[in-house]
């Protein structure tokens, strides 16, 4: 979806259409969760400190997030996806992989399917979507970002290697800023540079991730579309209107975050072994404190006890905080749904 949270707000509030808006944060503090394309023209983007966003775009309109509404609209979109194929792997509320090899419409063209889905989303939901079409996940994801907003891009099998050769390393999905900088220092700037390195050399330099880099740059990304993405952690956090340091205020804020986390844990039915306290100080430095148990738990009392230990060990907060978060990770296994086995078919573009 294109600028999903912001687009939902502009759809629900017509007076915001055509205006630069930021979902989340305020002019004084907080973080931008999403920005409209009008705001992006000023350099405003998600995860940007809202105070910086306000300086970059003085007439920026801040809108309070409505996650229940975004989930509602996301459900409508996912229903449309499911009407074409059961093999839908949501990445977030506004993005998913679809394997349309076996599709419910018995269509022979992936491009046709993408066109119909985009048209249906626009007519039934009222929002625009961008689609990327290719023969593996990495290329489809990369293609989806090529012609935003409201775009459709295709990378055919015969185009894959030439496309990869010229792709800047910063554009490789899954290669973050830190890794990209490290690669630049090693004279890797484009896919063609990455292709020169043997798989074993990439593993030596980047560990297990090196295997993935070799697979994607050689167009051998064989990951399947999985309808049951296994959750690795459950968390909750809050950014405060005013920096906190008083122990009673911090404890009360943590308790509220803990209650939110407990509700999310109950919904998933999962248990975990590692509890992490996230602390973002007023100067934006981030610290984490973690404790791993010898057993799996979803007991809210146990989690709360560990959180209080972490708050005071090795010492109480160093300075005022603007954000606190709690995460339960190292989750227990769950039964995975079985997908389609057997034949590997081909589908025309």
Protein backbone atom coordinates (compact mmCIF):
# COMPACT_ATOMS: atom_id res chain seq x y z
CA UNK A 1 0.00 0.00 0.00
CA UNK A 2 1.10 3.58 -0.67
CA UNK A 3 1.82 5.62 2.51
CA UNK A 4 -0.81 3.46 4.19
CA UNK A 5 -1.50 5.14 7.55
CA UNK A 6 -1.35 8.61 6.02
CA UNK A 7 -3.52 7.57 3.06
CA UNK A 8 -6.18 6.16 5.39
CA UNK A 9 -6.26 9.46 7.27
CA UNK A 10 -6.56 11.44 4.03
CA UNK A 11 -9.35 9.12 2.87
CA UNK A 12 -11.29 9.47 6.14
CA UNK A 13 -10.64 13.20 6.43
CA UNK A 14 -10.98 14.75 2.94
CA UNK A 15 -9.73 18.10 4.23
CA UNK A 16 -6.28 16.49 4.58
CA UNK A 17 -6.06 15.41 0.94
CA UNK A 18 -3.18 17.01 -0.92
CA UNK A 19 -1.61 18.25 2.31
CA UNK A 20 1.61 17.17 4.03
CA UNK A 21 0.65 15.07 7.04
CA UNK A 22 2.55 12.99 9.55
CA UNK A 23 0.89 10.20 11.49
CA UNK A 24 2.33 10.00 14.99
CA UNK A 25 4.30 12.40 17.15
CA UNK A 26 3.70 16.09 17.61
CA UNK A 27 5.45 19.32 16.75
CA UNK A 28 7.38 19.11 20.03
CA UNK A 29 8.30 15.44 20.41
CA UNK A 30 7.69 11.87 19.30
CA UNK A 31 8.42 9.93 16.15
CA UNK A 32 6.72 9.92 12.75
CA UNK A 33 5.01 6.58 12.09
CA UNK A 34 4.05 7.44 8.49
CA UNK A 35 4.17 10.43 6.16
CA UNK A 36 2.02 11.38 3.18
CA UNK A 37 3.74 11.78 -0.17
CA UNK A 38 3.21 15.54 0.13
CA UNK A 39 5.25 15.44 3.35
CA UNK A 40 7.89 13.15 1.86
CA UNK A 41 8.68 15.88 -0.66
CA UNK A 42 10.11 17.84 2.28
CA UNK A 43 12.23 14.95 3.54
CA UNK A 44 9.73 13.75 6.14
CA UNK A 45 9.64 9.97 6.54
CA UNK A 46 8.78 7.25 9.03
CA UNK A 47 11.02 6.87 12.10
CA UNK A 48 12.07 10.53 11.83
CA UNK A 49 11.93 12.57 15.05
CA UNK A 50 8.79 14.66 14.75
CA UNK A 51 10.59 17.81 15.90
CA UNK A 52 12.95 17.47 12.92
CA UNK A 53 9.98 16.74 10.65
CA UNK A 54 8.33 19.98 11.80
CA UNK A 55 11.48 21.95 10.98
CA UNK A 56 11.75 20.41 7.52
CA UNK A 57 8.08 21.09 6.79
CA UNK A 58 6.78 24.04 8.86
CA UNK A 59 3.18 23.52 7.67
CA UNK A 60 3.22 19.78 8.43
CA UNK A 61 -0.04 18.52 9.97
CA UNK A 62 0.37 15.96 12.76
CA UNK A 63 -2.36 13.33 13.06
CA UNK A 64 -2.85 10.96 15.97
CA UNK A 65 -2.54 7.28 14.91
CA UNK A 66 -5.69 5.13 14.85
CA UNK A 67 -4.35 1.60 14.71
CA UNK A 68 -7.76 -0.02 15.11
CA UNK A 69 -8.84 1.75 11.94
CA UNK A 70 -5.68 0.72 10.07
CA UNK A 71 -6.26 -2.92 11.11
CA UNK A 72 -9.85 -2.68 9.86
CA UNK A 73 -8.78 -1.39 6.45
CA UNK A 74 -5.94 -3.93 6.32
CA UNK A 75 -8.48 -6.69 6.86
CA UNK A 76 -10.46 -5.48 3.84
CA UNK A 77 -7.32 -5.52 1.69
CA UNK A 78 -6.25 -8.98 2.88
CA UNK A 79 -9.72 -10.30 2.01
CA UNK A 80 -9.19 -9.13 -1.56
CA UNK A 81 -5.81 -10.87 -1.66
CA UNK A 82 -7.39 -14.07 -0.32
CA UNK A 83 -10.01 -13.98 -3.08
CA UNK A 84 -7.18 -14.57 -5.57
CA UNK A 85 -4.97 -17.03 -3.67
CA UNK A 86 -4.70 -18.75 -0.31
CA UNK A 87 -0.93 -18.27 -0.37
CA UNK A 88 -0.74 -14.82 1.22
CA UNK A 89 2.14 -13.93 3.55
CA UNK A 90 1.47 -10.63 5.34
CA UNK A 91 4.61 -8.66 6.20
CA UNK A 92 2.70 -5.92 8.01
CA UNK A 93 -0.73 -4.30 7.92
CA UNK A 94 -0.06 -2.84 4.48
CA UNK A 95 2.21 -5.30 2.67
CA UNK A 96 2.16 -8.95 1.67
CA UNK A 97 3.70 -11.54 -0.62
CA UNK A 98 1.26 -13.44 -2.85
CA UNK A 99 2.05 -16.66 -4.67
CA UNK A 100 -0.41 -16.69 -7.58
CA UNK A 101 0.87 -19.85 -9.29
CA UNK A 102 -2.28 -21.61 -8.05
CA UNK A 103 -4.85 -18.80 -8.24
CA UNK A 104 -8.57 -18.98 -7.67
CA UNK A 105 -9.40 -17.07 -10.86
CA UNK A 106 -7.50 -19.55 -13.07
CA UNK A 107 -5.69 -16.64 -14.71
CA UNK A 108 -2.50 -17.34 -16.66
CA UNK A 109 -0.84 -13.95 -16.29
CA UNK A 110 0.68 -12.63 -13.06
CA UNK A 111 0.60 -9.11 -14.46
CA UNK A 112 -3.14 -9.40 -15.11
CA UNK A 113 -3.70 -10.62 -11.55
CA UNK A 114 -1.75 -7.67 -10.12
CA UNK A 115 -3.72 -5.22 -12.25
CA UNK A 116 -7.05 -6.70 -11.11
CA UNK A 117 -6.01 -6.66 -7.44
CA UNK A 118 -4.93 -3.02 -7.60
CA UNK A 119 -8.16 -2.07 -9.35
CA UNK A 120 -10.26 -3.91 -6.78
CA UNK A 121 -8.42 -2.34 -3.84
CA UNK A 122 -9.00 1.10 -5.32
CA UNK A 123 -12.70 0.50 -6.01
CA UNK A 124 -13.63 -1.34 -2.80
CA UNK A 125 -11.28 0.25 -0.27
CA UNK A 126 -10.53 3.63 -1.84
CA UNK A 127 -6.73 3.47 -1.64
CA UNK A 128 -3.92 2.95 -4.13
CA UNK A 129 -1.45 0.08 -4.03
CA UNK A 130 1.83 -0.59 -5.81
CA UNK A 131 2.70 -4.08 -7.05
CA UNK A 132 5.97 -5.80 -7.86
CA UNK A 133 5.91 -8.93 -10.00
CA UNK A 134 8.69 -11.44 -10.43
CA UNK A 135 9.66 -15.07 -9.92
CA UNK A 136 11.06 -14.78 -6.39
CA UNK A 137 10.44 -12.82 -3.21
CA UNK A 138 13.46 -10.53 -3.35
CA UNK A 139 12.82 -9.38 -6.91
CA UNK A 140 9.07 -8.95 -6.35
CA UNK A 141 9.69 -6.87 -3.22
CA UNK A 142 12.31 -4.77 -5.02
CA UNK A 143 10.01 -4.26 -8.01
CA UNK A 144 7.19 -3.07 -5.75
CA UNK A 145 9.28 -0.04 -4.75
CA UNK A 146 10.32 0.96 -8.27
CA UNK A 147 7.20 2.87 -9.34
CA UNK A 148 5.54 4.18 -6.19
CA UNK A 149 2.93 5.47 -5.65
CA UNK A 150 0.17 3.67 -7.56
CA UNK A 151 2.65 1.77 -9.72
CA UNK A 152 3.20 -1.66 -11.19
CA UNK A 153 6.66 -3.00 -12.05
CA UNK A 154 7.80 -6.32 -13.49
CA UNK A 155 11.19 -8.02 -13.45
CA UNK A 156 11.17 -10.87 -15.98
CA UNK A 157 13.47 -13.89 -15.56
CA UNK A 158 15.76 -12.76 -18.40
CA UNK A 159 16.01 -9.29 -16.83
CA UNK A 160 16.97 -10.47 -13.35
CA UNK A 161 20.78 -10.61 -13.57
CA UNK A 162 21.20 -7.38 -15.62
CA UNK A 163 18.85 -5.64 -13.18
CA UNK A 164 20.77 -6.96 -10.19
CA UNK A 165 24.12 -5.89 -11.65
CA UNK A 166 23.14 -2.22 -11.74
CA UNK A 167 21.16 -2.14 -8.46
CA UNK A 168 22.86 0.05 -5.80
CA UNK A 169 23.70 -1.97 -2.73
CA UNK A 170 21.60 0.42 -0.59
CA UNK A 171 18.53 -0.69 -2.56
CA UNK A 172 18.96 -4.37 -1.70
CA UNK A 173 16.06 -5.32 0.58
CA UNK A 174 17.57 -6.81 3.73
CA UNK A 175 20.85 -4.89 3.55
CA UNK A 176 20.64 -2.11 6.12
CA UNK A 177 22.51 1.16 6.34
CA UNK A 178 25.28 -0.19 8.57
CA UNK A 179 25.97 -3.20 6.33
CA UNK A 180 25.76 -1.04 3.20
CA UNK A 181 28.42 1.32 4.62
CA UNK A 182 30.62 -1.66 5.49
CA UNK A 183 30.24 -2.95 1.95
CA UNK A 184 31.05 0.46 0.49
CA UNK A 185 34.30 0.47 2.46
CA UNK A 186 35.07 -2.89 0.86
CA UNK A 187 34.42 -1.39 -2.62
CA UNK A 188 31.00 -3.01 -3.01
CA UNK A 189 28.66 -0.40 -4.44
CA UNK A 190 26.38 -2.32 -6.80
CA UNK A 191 25.12 -5.82 -7.38
CA UNK A 192 27.85 -6.38 -9.96
CA UNK A 193 30.46 -5.85 -7.23
CA UNK A 194 28.69 -8.34 -4.96
CA UNK A 195 28.55 -10.90 -7.77
CA UNK A 196 32.34 -10.98 -7.97
CA UNK A 197 32.59 -12.57 -4.52
CA UNK A 198 32.24 -16.31 -4.00
CA UNK A 199 29.59 -17.58 -1.61
CA UNK A 200 32.27 -18.74 0.85
CA UNK A 201 33.86 -15.28 0.87
CA UNK A 202 30.51 -13.62 1.59
CA UNK A 203 29.95 -16.04 4.48
CA UNK A 204 33.42 -15.27 5.81
CA UNK A 205 32.70 -11.55 5.74
CA UNK A 206 29.06 -11.43 6.82
CA UNK A 207 28.33 -14.75 8.52
CA UNK A 208 25.06 -16.56 7.77
CA UNK A 209 23.71 -13.42 6.09
CA UNK A 210 26.40 -13.90 3.44
CA UNK A 211 24.56 -16.96 2.11
CA UNK A 212 21.41 -14.89 1.71
CA UNK A 213 23.30 -12.10 -0.09
CA UNK A 214 24.73 -14.63 -2.53
CA UNK A 215 21.29 -16.16 -3.15
CA UNK A 216 19.55 -12.87 -3.87
CA UNK A 217 22.26 -11.35 -6.06
CA UNK A 218 22.36 -14.48 -8.22
CA UNK A 219 18.52 -14.58 -8.42
CA UNK A 220 18.43 -17.87 -6.48
CA UNK A 221 16.08 -16.70 -3.75
CA UNK A 222 14.01 -19.86 -3.27
CA UNK A 223 12.07 -18.80 -0.18
CA UNK A 224 8.45 -19.91 -0.33
CA UNK A 225 5.46 -17.71 0.40
CA UNK A 226 4.41 -18.85 3.86
CA UNK A 227 0.93 -18.26 5.18
CA UNK A 228 2.06 -18.73 8.78
CA UNK A 229 5.00 -16.41 9.40
CA UNK A 230 6.35 -17.48 12.76
CA UNK A 231 6.38 -14.64 15.25
CA UNK A 232 9.75 -14.17 16.96
CA UNK A 233 8.79 -11.68 19.68
CA UNK A 234 5.89 -9.86 21.30
CA UNK A 235 6.40 -6.31 22.51
CA UNK A 236 4.86 -3.03 23.60
CA UNK A 237 6.36 0.41 24.05
CA UNK A 238 5.37 4.01 24.65
CA UNK A 239 6.88 7.40 23.81
CA UNK A 240 6.07 9.94 26.51
CA UNK A 241 4.80 13.51 26.11
CA UNK A 242 7.37 14.61 28.70
CA UNK A 243 10.68 13.00 29.64
CA UNK A 244 10.46 10.83 32.75
CA UNK A 245 12.93 10.18 35.55
CA UNK A 246 10.92 10.06 38.79
CA UNK A 247 10.82 6.41 39.85
CA UNK A 248 7.10 6.41 40.65
CA UNK A 249 6.23 7.90 37.24
CA UNK A 250 8.53 5.47 35.44
CA UNK A 251 7.06 2.51 37.34
CA UNK A 252 3.47 3.55 36.52
CA UNK A 253 4.34 4.03 32.84
CA UNK A 254 6.03 0.63 32.73
CA UNK A 255 2.98 -0.96 34.36
CA UNK A 256 0.74 0.41 31.59
CA UNK A 257 3.14 -0.92 28.95
CA UNK A 258 3.23 -4.26 30.77
CA UNK A 259 -0.58 -4.45 30.72
CA UNK A 260 -0.61 -3.84 26.96
CA UNK A 261 2.04 -6.52 26.49
CA UNK A 262 0.10 -9.00 28.64
CA UNK A 263 -3.01 -8.54 26.48
CA UNK A 264 -0.96 -9.16 23.33
CA UNK A 265 0.64 -12.27 24.84
CA UNK A 266 -2.79 -13.62 25.79
CA UNK A 267 -4.04 -13.12 22.23
CA UNK A 268 -1.15 -15.07 20.72
CA UNK A 269 -1.14 -17.90 23.25
CA UNK A 270 2.65 -17.95 23.09
CA UNK A 271 5.28 -18.22 25.82
CA UNK A 272 8.86 -16.93 25.84
CA UNK A 273 12.12 -17.16 27.72
CA UNK A 274 13.77 -13.76 27.24
CA UNK A 275 12.42 -10.50 28.65
CA UNK A 276 13.93 -7.24 27.41
CA UNK A 277 13.56 -3.72 28.73
CA UNK A 278 14.13 -1.04 26.09
CA UNK A 279 15.17 2.44 27.24
CA UNK A 280 15.43 5.45 24.96
CA UNK A 281 16.90 8.45 26.77
CA UNK A 282 16.06 12.10 26.11
CA UNK A 283 19.15 12.43 23.90
CA UNK A 284 17.87 9.53 21.70
CA UNK A 285 20.49 7.04 22.89
CA UNK A 286 18.95 3.58 23.21
CA UNK A 287 19.90 0.90 25.73
CA UNK A 288 18.45 -2.57 26.26
CA UNK A 289 18.61 -4.81 29.30
CA UNK A 290 17.64 -8.47 28.97
CA UNK A 291 17.22 -11.57 31.12
CA UNK A 292 16.71 -15.13 29.84
CA UNK A 293 14.85 -17.64 32.00
CA UNK A 294 15.42 -21.39 32.21
CA UNK A 295 11.79 -21.99 31.21
CA UNK A 296 9.08 -20.60 28.93
CA UNK A 297 6.52 -18.31 30.50
CA UNK A 298 3.55 -16.09 29.72
CA UNK A 299 2.93 -15.36 33.39
CA UNK A 300 2.39 -11.61 33.73
CA UNK A 301 3.63 -11.62 37.33
CA UNK A 302 6.91 -13.27 36.36
CA UNK A 303 7.40 -10.82 33.49
CA UNK A 304 6.65 -7.83 35.72
CA UNK A 305 9.13 -9.06 38.36
CA UNK A 306 11.88 -9.40 35.75
CA UNK A 307 11.10 -5.96 34.28
CA UNK A 308 11.57 -4.39 37.73
CA UNK A 309 14.86 -6.23 38.15
CA UNK A 310 16.06 -4.92 34.80
CA UNK A 311 15.01 -1.38 35.67
CA UNK A 312 17.41 -1.38 38.64
CA UNK A 313 20.22 -3.60 37.35
CA UNK A 314 22.97 -2.78 36.93
CA UNK A 315 21.60 0.58 38.14
CA UNK A 316 18.54 2.79 37.90
CA UNK A 317 18.12 4.98 34.82
CA UNK A 318 21.15 7.08 33.89
CA UNK A 319 19.07 10.10 32.83
CA UNK A 320 15.61 11.16 31.75
CA UNK A 321 13.81 8.85 29.33
CA UNK A 322 11.49 9.58 26.40
CA UNK A 323 10.51 5.96 25.62
CA UNK A 324 10.22 2.65 27.43
CA UNK A 325 9.38 -0.75 25.99
CA UNK A 326 9.08 -4.38 27.06
CA UNK A 327 9.57 -7.39 24.78
CA UNK A 328 9.11 -11.13 25.26
CA UNK A 329 11.26 -13.16 22.85
CA UNK A 330 12.75 -16.63 22.35
CA UNK A 331 9.16 -17.77 21.92
CA UNK A 332 8.02 -21.38 22.09
CA UNK A 333 7.24 -23.31 18.91
CA UNK A 334 3.74 -23.55 17.51
CA UNK A 335 2.27 -25.99 15.03
CA UNK A 336 2.78 -24.65 11.57
CA UNK A 337 0.09 -24.79 8.93
CA UNK A 338 0.95 -26.95 5.96
CA UNK A 339 1.04 -25.31 2.56
CA UNK A 340 0.71 -26.86 -0.85
CA UNK A 341 3.20 -29.63 -1.46
CA UNK A 342 4.09 -31.48 -4.60
CA UNK A 343 4.17 -29.90 -8.00
CA UNK A 344 6.04 -26.73 -8.91
CA UNK A 345 4.16 -25.10 -11.76
CA UNK A 346 5.07 -22.12 -13.88
CA UNK A 347 3.00 -19.04 -14.60
CA UNK A 348 3.34 -16.57 -17.41
CA UNK A 349 4.02 -12.96 -16.63
